[in-house]
């Protein structure tokens, strides 16, 4: 018989490592990052609805800006008047610039000028002074705001999925949202100024001057208050994304 070479015992195969398809669910997402994701989703839904309403409002402003502007005019009307002094039994009726005396002993005819009575007359549309350019820019700002809201919604979802892109998406949101808020505030102030100017043009001369300061303050508040609200979350994200826990978490995920 042929001697066969000794065979070595079979070696066990090295265990294969399983692929981890999750991003970082086992790495312990910090509570601050969870709060960022939840708040981003809520803010995105609220600002998206508000911006969608702004689109329809801007559409109404565009339609009103195409209507004729309002003007204020006065009309004069003449009415008969009776003189206070007259001879006994004499009646003097005055119409515009002429008068007739009638009755016993009436020998004098006088010519007088009666005071004119004025009545206001309005023509056109009190919102016709709206600037068409401001209305179009307001529409643009509202549409861009809807797009940024959708972008923030995606960023918040990525954070909740523990995706490494969550922080990057939020950083881009901050860089896009802040200039958009400033642009929208400037356009809103321009739109309000043109609208109030058109309304004042429809008022009698001299009656709008007393409320000029109040109107300016109202317009300024109407532009600045939404701007401060819109800047609240992107400003907060600047500090939250730079926190130690958030930066440490994403450094671990990327590693």
C-alpha atoms as a PDB file:
ATOM      1  CA  UNK A   1       0.000   0.000   0.000  1.00  0.00           C
ATOM      2  CA  UNK A   2       1.061   3.518  -0.725  1.00  0.00           C
ATOM      3  CA  UNK A   3       1.782   5.582   2.318  1.00  0.00           C
ATOM      4  CA  UNK A   4      -0.348   8.759   2.249  1.00  0.00           C
ATOM      5  CA  UNK A   5       1.065  12.007   3.668  1.00  0.00           C
ATOM      6  CA  UNK A   6      -0.378  12.965   6.990  1.00  0.00           C
ATOM      7  CA  UNK A   7      -3.206  15.452   6.716  1.00  0.00           C
ATOM      8  CA  UNK A   8      -3.480  18.473   8.959  1.00  0.00           C
ATOM      9  CA  UNK A   9      -6.681  18.938  10.915  1.00  0.00           C
ATOM     10  CA  UNK A  10      -9.152  21.368   9.299  1.00  0.00           C
ATOM     11  CA  UNK A  11      -8.954  24.901  10.584  1.00  0.00           C
ATOM     12  CA  UNK A  12     -12.069  26.795  11.570  1.00  0.00           C
ATOM     13  CA  UNK A  13     -13.044  29.656   9.266  1.00  0.00           C
ATOM     14  CA  UNK A  14     -12.647  33.167  10.664  1.00  0.00           C
ATOM     15  CA  UNK A  15     -16.004  34.647  11.658  1.00  0.00           C
ATOM     16  CA  UNK A  16     -17.239  37.240   9.165  1.00  0.00           C
ATOM     17  CA  UNK A  17     -18.186  40.619  10.525  1.00  0.00           C
ATOM     18  CA  UNK A  18     -21.743  41.721   9.824  1.00  0.00           C
ATOM     19  CA  UNK A  19     -22.405  44.994   8.045  1.00  0.00           C
ATOM     20  CA  UNK A  20     -23.949  47.752  10.126  1.00  0.00           C
ATOM     21  CA  UNK A  21     -26.561  49.455   7.974  1.00  0.00           C
ATOM     22  CA  UNK A  22     -27.662  51.817  10.704  1.00  0.00           C
ATOM     23  CA  UNK A  23     -25.896  55.141  10.944  1.00  0.00           C
ATOM     24  CA  UNK A  24     -25.201  55.425  14.646  1.00  0.00           C
ATOM     25  CA  UNK A  25     -28.170  54.182  16.609  1.00  0.00           C
ATOM     26  CA  UNK A  26     -25.891  52.257  18.972  1.00  0.00           C
ATOM     27  CA  UNK A  27     -23.624  55.197  19.746  1.00  0.00           C
ATOM     28  CA  UNK A  28     -25.950  57.054  22.059  1.00  0.00           C
ATOM     29  CA  UNK A  29     -27.430  60.176  20.465  1.00  0.00           C
ATOM     30  CA  UNK A  30     -27.267  63.087  22.958  1.00  0.00           C
ATOM     31  CA  UNK A  31     -30.533  64.538  24.168  1.00  0.00           C
ATOM     32  CA  UNK A  32     -29.635  67.976  22.812  1.00  0.00           C
ATOM     33  CA  UNK A  33     -29.382  66.554  19.314  1.00  0.00           C
ATOM     34  CA  UNK A  34     -32.774  64.880  19.693  1.00  0.00           C
ATOM     35  CA  UNK A  35     -34.230  68.231  20.725  1.00  0.00           C
ATOM     36  CA  UNK A  36     -32.663  69.856  17.650  1.00  0.00           C
ATOM     37  CA  UNK A  37     -34.288  67.302  15.367  1.00  0.00           C
ATOM     38  CA  UNK A  38     -37.729  67.577  16.978  1.00  0.00           C
ATOM     39  CA  UNK A  39     -37.727  71.390  17.088  1.00  0.00           C
ATOM     40  CA  UNK A  40     -36.513  71.596  13.492  1.00  0.00           C
ATOM     41  CA  UNK A  41     -39.416  69.441  12.312  1.00  0.00           C
ATOM     42  CA  UNK A  42     -41.941  71.561  14.270  1.00  0.00           C
ATOM     43  CA  UNK A  43     -40.441  74.863  13.095  1.00  0.00           C
ATOM     44  CA  UNK A  44     -40.383  73.609   9.501  1.00  0.00           C
ATOM     45  CA  UNK A  45     -44.085  72.720   9.583  1.00  0.00           C
ATOM     46  CA  UNK A  46     -45.123  76.032  11.171  1.00  0.00           C
ATOM     47  CA  UNK A  47     -42.985  78.246   8.952  1.00  0.00           C
ATOM     48  CA  UNK A  48     -44.024  76.275   5.882  1.00  0.00           C
ATOM     49  CA  UNK A  49     -47.710  76.904   6.581  1.00  0.00           C
ATOM     50  CA  UNK A  50     -47.062  80.572   7.368  1.00  0.00           C
ATOM     51  CA  UNK A  51     -45.016  81.043   4.215  1.00  0.00           C
ATOM     52  CA  UNK A  52     -47.703  79.352   2.134  1.00  0.00           C
ATOM     53  CA  UNK A  53     -50.218  81.871   3.479  1.00  0.00           C
ATOM     54  CA  UNK A  54     -47.727  84.598   2.608  1.00  0.00           C
ATOM     55  CA  UNK A  55     -47.726  83.412  -0.999  1.00  0.00           C
ATOM     56  CA  UNK A  56     -51.488  83.951  -1.272  1.00  0.00           C
ATOM     57  CA  UNK A  57     -51.233  87.320   0.525  1.00  0.00           C
ATOM     58  CA  UNK A  58     -48.558  88.463  -1.891  1.00  0.00           C
ATOM     59  CA  UNK A  59     -50.756  87.383  -4.782  1.00  0.00           C
ATOM     60  CA  UNK A  60     -53.507  89.628  -3.409  1.00  0.00           C
ATOM     61  CA  UNK A  61     -51.064  92.538  -3.102  1.00  0.00           C
ATOM     62  CA  UNK A  62     -50.023  92.054  -6.720  1.00  0.00           C
ATOM     63  CA  UNK A  63     -53.637  92.191  -7.861  1.00  0.00           C
ATOM     64  CA  UNK A  64     -54.359  95.319  -5.784  1.00  0.00           C
ATOM     65  CA  UNK A  65     -51.234  97.055  -7.082  1.00  0.00           C
ATOM     66  CA  UNK A  66     -52.626  96.829 -10.623  1.00  0.00           C
ATOM     67  CA  UNK A  67     -55.781  98.736  -9.698  1.00  0.00           C
ATOM     68  CA  UNK A  68     -55.914 102.539 -10.120  1.00  0.00           C
ATOM     69  CA  UNK A  69     -54.679 104.553  -7.153  1.00  0.00           C
ATOM     70  CA  UNK A  70     -57.164 106.548  -5.096  1.00  0.00           C
ATOM     71  CA  UNK A  71     -57.395 110.352  -5.141  1.00  0.00           C
ATOM     72  CA  UNK A  72     -59.224 112.886  -2.995  1.00  0.00           C
ATOM     73  CA  UNK A  73     -61.170 115.753  -4.561  1.00  0.00           C
ATOM     74  CA  UNK A  74     -63.710 118.313  -3.323  1.00  0.00           C
ATOM     75  CA  UNK A  75     -66.933 119.506  -4.921  1.00  0.00           C
ATOM     76  CA  UNK A  76     -68.626 122.872  -4.353  1.00  0.00           C
ATOM     77  CA  UNK A  77     -72.385 123.201  -3.930  1.00  0.00           C
ATOM     78  CA  UNK A  78     -74.413 126.462  -3.687  1.00  0.00           C
ATOM     79  CA  UNK A  79     -77.432 126.688  -1.365  1.00  0.00           C
ATOM     80  CA  UNK A  80     -79.823 129.584  -0.814  1.00  0.00           C
ATOM     81  CA  UNK A  81     -79.451 131.700   2.321  1.00  0.00           C
ATOM     82  CA  UNK A  82     -81.535 134.437   3.983  1.00  0.00           C
ATOM     83  CA  UNK A  83     -79.956 137.684   5.194  1.00  0.00           C
ATOM     84  CA  UNK A  84     -80.117 138.432   8.902  1.00  0.00           C
ATOM     85  CA  UNK A  85     -80.957 142.180   8.474  1.00  0.00           C
ATOM     86  CA  UNK A  86     -83.811 143.409   6.252  1.00  0.00           C
ATOM     87  CA  UNK A  87     -86.599 146.081   6.332  1.00  0.00           C
ATOM     88  CA  UNK A  88     -89.893 145.110   7.886  1.00  0.00           C
ATOM     89  CA  UNK A  89     -91.846 142.910   5.521  1.00  0.00           C
ATOM     90  CA  UNK A  90     -88.919 142.498   3.070  1.00  0.00           C
ATOM     91  CA  UNK A  91     -87.434 139.102   2.386  1.00  0.00           C
ATOM     92  CA  UNK A  92     -84.004 138.828   0.703  1.00  0.00           C
ATOM     93  CA  UNK A  93     -83.194 135.502  -0.901  1.00  0.00           C
ATOM     94  CA  UNK A  94     -79.595 135.006  -2.029  1.00  0.00           C
ATOM     95  CA  UNK A  95     -78.540 132.395  -4.573  1.00  0.00           C
ATOM     96  CA  UNK A  96     -74.799 131.998  -5.149  1.00  0.00           C
ATOM     97  CA  UNK A  97     -73.815 135.583  -6.189  1.00  0.00           C
ATOM     98  CA  UNK A  98     -77.176 137.285  -6.747  1.00  0.00           C
ATOM     99  CA  UNK A  99     -80.082 138.350  -4.522  1.00  0.00           C
ATOM    100  CA  UNK A 100     -83.681 139.454  -4.980  1.00  0.00           C
ATOM    101  CA  UNK A 101     -85.641 141.667  -2.535  1.00  0.00           C
ATOM    102  CA  UNK A 102     -89.395 141.311  -2.454  1.00  0.00           C
ATOM    103  CA  UNK A 103     -92.163 142.805  -0.329  1.00  0.00           C
ATOM    104  CA  UNK A 104     -93.594 146.235   0.590  1.00  0.00           C
ATOM    105  CA  UNK A 105     -90.988 149.021   0.560  1.00  0.00           C
ATOM    106  CA  UNK A 106     -88.331 146.943  -1.155  1.00  0.00           C
ATOM    107  CA  UNK A 107     -86.239 149.305  -3.254  1.00  0.00           C
ATOM    108  CA  UNK A 108     -82.715 147.851  -2.968  1.00  0.00           C
ATOM    109  CA  UNK A 109     -81.188 144.917  -4.790  1.00  0.00           C
ATOM    110  CA  UNK A 110     -77.834 143.751  -3.446  1.00  0.00           C
ATOM    111  CA  UNK A 111     -75.236 141.310  -4.712  1.00  0.00           C
ATOM    112  CA  UNK A 112     -73.594 138.991  -2.193  1.00  0.00           C
ATOM    113  CA  UNK A 113     -71.356 135.956  -2.333  1.00  0.00           C
ATOM    114  CA  UNK A 114     -72.418 133.024  -0.192  1.00  0.00           C
ATOM    115  CA  UNK A 115     -69.864 130.720   1.506  1.00  0.00           C
ATOM    116  CA  UNK A 116     -69.212 127.601  -0.536  1.00  0.00           C
ATOM    117  CA  UNK A 117     -69.856 124.182   0.951  1.00  0.00           C
ATOM    118  CA  UNK A 118     -67.473 121.364   0.072  1.00  0.00           C
ATOM    119  CA  UNK A 119     -67.992 117.627   0.018  1.00  0.00           C
ATOM    120  CA  UNK A 120     -65.246 114.965  -0.264  1.00  0.00           C
ATOM    121  CA  UNK A 121     -65.149 112.742  -3.303  1.00  0.00           C
ATOM    122  CA  UNK A 122     -63.047 109.571  -3.510  1.00  0.00           C
ATOM    123  CA  UNK A 123     -62.008 107.868  -6.695  1.00  0.00           C
ATOM    124  CA  UNK A 124     -60.051 104.671  -7.248  1.00  0.00           C
ATOM    125  CA  UNK A 125     -58.780 102.142  -4.726  1.00  0.00           C
ATOM    126  CA  UNK A 126     -57.129 102.978  -1.349  1.00  0.00           C
ATOM    127  CA  UNK A 127     -54.665 100.111  -1.874  1.00  0.00           C
ATOM    128  CA  UNK A 128     -53.767 101.163  -5.387  1.00  0.00           C
ATOM    129  CA  UNK A 129     -50.564 102.814  -4.162  1.00  0.00           C
ATOM    130  CA  UNK A 130     -48.908  99.456  -3.480  1.00  0.00           C
ATOM    131  CA  UNK A 131     -45.633  99.127  -5.354  1.00  0.00           C
ATOM    132  CA  UNK A 132     -45.851  96.296  -7.932  1.00  0.00           C
ATOM    133  CA  UNK A 133     -42.124  95.626  -7.517  1.00  0.00           C
ATOM    134  CA  UNK A 134     -42.469  95.288  -3.743  1.00  0.00           C
ATOM    135  CA  UNK A 135     -45.431  92.946  -4.193  1.00  0.00           C
ATOM    136  CA  UNK A 136     -43.470  90.736  -6.621  1.00  0.00           C
ATOM    137  CA  UNK A 137     -40.449  90.612  -4.291  1.00  0.00           C
ATOM    138  CA  UNK A 138     -42.764  89.717  -1.421  1.00  0.00           C
ATOM    139  CA  UNK A 139     -44.033  86.794  -3.472  1.00  0.00           C
ATOM    140  CA  UNK A 140     -40.445  85.715  -4.167  1.00  0.00           C
ATOM    141  CA  UNK A 141     -39.545  85.860  -0.478  1.00  0.00           C
ATOM    142  CA  UNK A 142     -42.605  83.782   0.455  1.00  0.00           C
ATOM    143  CA  UNK A 143     -41.824  81.112  -2.149  1.00  0.00           C
ATOM    144  CA  UNK A 144     -38.186  80.890  -1.016  1.00  0.00           C
ATOM    145  CA  UNK A 145     -39.352  80.624   2.583  1.00  0.00           C
ATOM    146  CA  UNK A 146     -41.519  77.635   1.665  1.00  0.00           C
ATOM    147  CA  UNK A 147     -38.483  75.985   0.068  1.00  0.00           C
ATOM    148  CA  UNK A 148     -36.308  76.648   3.140  1.00  0.00           C
ATOM    149  CA  UNK A 149     -39.025  75.169   5.373  1.00  0.00           C
ATOM    150  CA  UNK A 150     -39.020  71.954   3.322  1.00  0.00           C
ATOM    151  CA  UNK A 151     -35.226  71.881   3.541  1.00  0.00           C
ATOM    152  CA  UNK A 152     -35.346  72.234   7.345  1.00  0.00           C
ATOM    153  CA  UNK A 153     -37.886  69.416   7.535  1.00  0.00           C
ATOM    154  CA  UNK A 154     -35.465  67.125   5.682  1.00  0.00           C
ATOM    155  CA  UNK A 155     -32.604  68.230   7.965  1.00  0.00           C
ATOM    156  CA  UNK A 156     -34.641  67.456  11.085  1.00  0.00           C
ATOM    157  CA  UNK A 157     -35.570  64.011   9.777  1.00  0.00           C
ATOM    158  CA  UNK A 158     -31.910  63.259   9.002  1.00  0.00           C
ATOM    159  CA  UNK A 159     -30.983  64.166  12.578  1.00  0.00           C
ATOM    160  CA  UNK A 160     -33.612  61.781  13.945  1.00  0.00           C
ATOM    161  CA  UNK A 161     -32.243  59.052  11.625  1.00  0.00           C
ATOM    162  CA  UNK A 162     -28.757  59.616  13.112  1.00  0.00           C
ATOM    163  CA  UNK A 163     -27.411  60.507   9.689  1.00  0.00           C
ATOM    164  CA  UNK A 164     -23.997  62.201   9.645  1.00  0.00           C
ATOM    165  CA  UNK A 165     -25.433  64.765   7.219  1.00  0.00           C
ATOM    166  CA  UNK A 166     -27.805  66.148   9.867  1.00  0.00           C
ATOM    167  CA  UNK A 167     -25.323  68.697  11.188  1.00  0.00           C
ATOM    168  CA  UNK A 168     -24.204  69.762   7.706  1.00  0.00           C
ATOM    169  CA  UNK A 169     -27.778  70.320   6.547  1.00  0.00           C
ATOM    170  CA  UNK A 170     -28.508  72.456   9.602  1.00  0.00           C
ATOM    171  CA  UNK A 171     -25.389  74.561   9.017  1.00  0.00           C
ATOM    172  CA  UNK A 172     -26.513  75.277   5.465  1.00  0.00           C
ATOM    173  CA  UNK A 173     -29.972  76.098   6.774  1.00  0.00           C
ATOM    174  CA  UNK A 174     -28.483  78.777   9.051  1.00  0.00           C
ATOM    175  CA  UNK A 175     -26.482  80.289   6.182  1.00  0.00           C
ATOM    176  CA  UNK A 176     -29.539  80.398   3.902  1.00  0.00           C
ATOM    177  CA  UNK A 177     -32.239  81.386   6.387  1.00  0.00           C
ATOM    178  CA  UNK A 178     -30.636  84.476   7.952  1.00  0.00           C
ATOM    179  CA  UNK A 179     -30.144  86.402   4.653  1.00  0.00           C
ATOM    180  CA  UNK A 180     -33.661  85.391   3.569  1.00  0.00           C
ATOM    181  CA  UNK A 181     -35.189  86.793   6.775  1.00  0.00           C
ATOM    182  CA  UNK A 182     -33.342  90.103   6.318  1.00  0.00           C
ATOM    183  CA  UNK A 183     -34.473  90.281   2.685  1.00  0.00           C
ATOM    184  CA  UNK A 184     -38.099  89.503   3.602  1.00  0.00           C
ATOM    185  CA  UNK A 185     -38.097  92.162   6.351  1.00  0.00           C
ATOM    186  CA  UNK A 186     -36.806  94.848   3.982  1.00  0.00           C
ATOM    187  CA  UNK A 187     -39.377  93.926   1.329  1.00  0.00           C
ATOM    188  CA  UNK A 188     -42.158  93.853   3.926  1.00  0.00           C
ATOM    189  CA  UNK A 189     -41.269  97.347   5.124  1.00  0.00           C
ATOM    190  CA  UNK A 190     -41.234  98.615   1.534  1.00  0.00           C
ATOM    191  CA  UNK A 191     -44.596  96.977   0.827  1.00  0.00           C
ATOM    192  CA  UNK A 192     -46.188  98.416   3.986  1.00  0.00           C
ATOM    193  CA  UNK A 193     -44.855 101.899   3.246  1.00  0.00           C
ATOM    194  CA  UNK A 194     -46.290 101.916  -0.264  1.00  0.00           C
ATOM    195  CA  UNK A 195     -49.623 100.567   0.950  1.00  0.00           C
ATOM    196  CA  UNK A 196     -50.021 103.177   3.712  1.00  0.00           C
ATOM    197  CA  UNK A 197     -48.955 105.947   1.318  1.00  0.00           C
ATOM    198  CA  UNK A 198     -51.785 104.965  -0.987  1.00  0.00           C
ATOM    199  CA  UNK A 199     -54.250 104.970   1.893  1.00  0.00           C
ATOM    200  CA  UNK A 200     -53.142 108.435   3.010  1.00  0.00           C
ATOM    201  CA  UNK A 201     -53.605 109.741  -0.519  1.00  0.00           C
ATOM    202  CA  UNK A 202     -57.285 108.883  -0.253  1.00  0.00           C
ATOM    203  CA  UNK A 203     -57.737 110.951   2.913  1.00  0.00           C
ATOM    204  CA  UNK A 204     -58.609 114.669   3.009  1.00  0.00           C
ATOM    205  CA  UNK A 205     -55.600 117.020   2.885  1.00  0.00           C
ATOM    206  CA  UNK A 206     -54.094 117.635   6.309  1.00  0.00           C
ATOM    207  CA  UNK A 207     -55.892 114.769   8.053  1.00  0.00           C
ATOM    208  CA  UNK A 208     -53.079 112.225   7.614  1.00  0.00           C
ATOM    209  CA  UNK A 209     -50.262 114.284   9.100  1.00  0.00           C
ATOM    210  CA  UNK A 210     -51.324 113.724  12.702  1.00  0.00           C
ATOM    211  CA  UNK A 211     -51.055 109.936  12.332  1.00  0.00           C
ATOM    212  CA  UNK A 212     -47.816 109.863  10.332  1.00  0.00           C
ATOM    213  CA  UNK A 213     -45.649 108.909  13.323  1.00  0.00           C
ATOM    214  CA  UNK A 214     -48.028 106.194  14.442  1.00  0.00           C
ATOM    215  CA  UNK A 215     -48.258 104.786  10.937  1.00  0.00           C
ATOM    216  CA  UNK A 216     -44.466 104.632  10.595  1.00  0.00           C
ATOM    217  CA  UNK A 217     -44.107 102.883  13.957  1.00  0.00           C
ATOM    218  CA  UNK A 218     -46.798 100.400  13.020  1.00  0.00           C
ATOM    219  CA  UNK A 219     -45.101  99.607   9.717  1.00  0.00           C
ATOM    220  CA  UNK A 220     -41.700  99.228  11.372  1.00  0.00           C
ATOM    221  CA  UNK A 221     -43.088  96.860  14.002  1.00  0.00           C
ATOM    222  CA  UNK A 222     -44.889  94.856  11.320  1.00  0.00           C
ATOM    223  CA  UNK A 223     -41.569  94.280   9.552  1.00  0.00           C
ATOM    224  CA  UNK A 224     -39.271  93.736  12.551  1.00  0.00           C
ATOM    225  CA  UNK A 225     -41.409  91.441  14.730  1.00  0.00           C
ATOM    226  CA  UNK A 226     -41.661  88.661  12.073  1.00  0.00           C
ATOM    227  CA  UNK A 227     -37.945  89.108  11.393  1.00  0.00           C
ATOM    228  CA  UNK A 228     -37.022  88.527  15.044  1.00  0.00           C
ATOM    229  CA  UNK A 229     -39.265  85.455  15.156  1.00  0.00           C
ATOM    230  CA  UNK A 230     -37.741  84.112  11.949  1.00  0.00           C
ATOM    231  CA  UNK A 231     -34.185  84.615  13.238  1.00  0.00           C
ATOM    232  CA  UNK A 232     -34.789  82.875  16.571  1.00  0.00           C
ATOM    233  CA  UNK A 233     -34.204  79.256  15.512  1.00  0.00           C
ATOM    234  CA  UNK A 234     -31.270  79.745  13.091  1.00  0.00           C
ATOM    235  CA  UNK A 235     -29.541  81.921  15.696  1.00  0.00           C
ATOM    236  CA  UNK A 236     -30.043  79.263  18.355  1.00  0.00           C
ATOM    237  CA  UNK A 237     -28.646  76.602  16.005  1.00  0.00           C
ATOM    238  CA  UNK A 238     -25.379  78.525  15.713  1.00  0.00           C
ATOM    239  CA  UNK A 239     -24.697  77.845  19.392  1.00  0.00           C
ATOM    240  CA  UNK A 240     -26.340  74.418  19.652  1.00  0.00           C
ATOM    241  CA  UNK A 241     -24.345  72.918  16.781  1.00  0.00           C
ATOM    242  CA  UNK A 242     -21.119  74.159  18.368  1.00  0.00           C
ATOM    243  CA  UNK A 243     -21.857  72.508  21.711  1.00  0.00           C
ATOM    244  CA  UNK A 244     -19.420  69.891  22.965  1.00  0.00           C
ATOM    245  CA  UNK A 245     -21.915  67.011  23.009  1.00  0.00           C
ATOM    246  CA  UNK A 246     -23.122  67.587  19.443  1.00  0.00           C
ATOM    247  CA  UNK A 247     -19.637  68.019  17.977  1.00  0.00           C
ATOM    248  CA  UNK A 248     -18.352  64.969  19.873  1.00  0.00           C
ATOM    249  CA  UNK A 249     -21.253  62.836  18.652  1.00  0.00           C
ATOM    250  CA  UNK A 250     -20.750  63.709  14.986  1.00  0.00           C
ATOM    251  CA  UNK A 251     -16.988  63.230  15.259  1.00  0.00           C
ATOM    252  CA  UNK A 252     -17.655  59.714  16.513  1.00  0.00           C
ATOM    253  CA  UNK A 253     -20.174  59.006  13.768  1.00  0.00           C
ATOM    254  CA  UNK A 254     -17.858  60.173  11.008  1.00  0.00           C
ATOM    255  CA  UNK A 255     -14.992  58.113  12.457  1.00  0.00           C
END
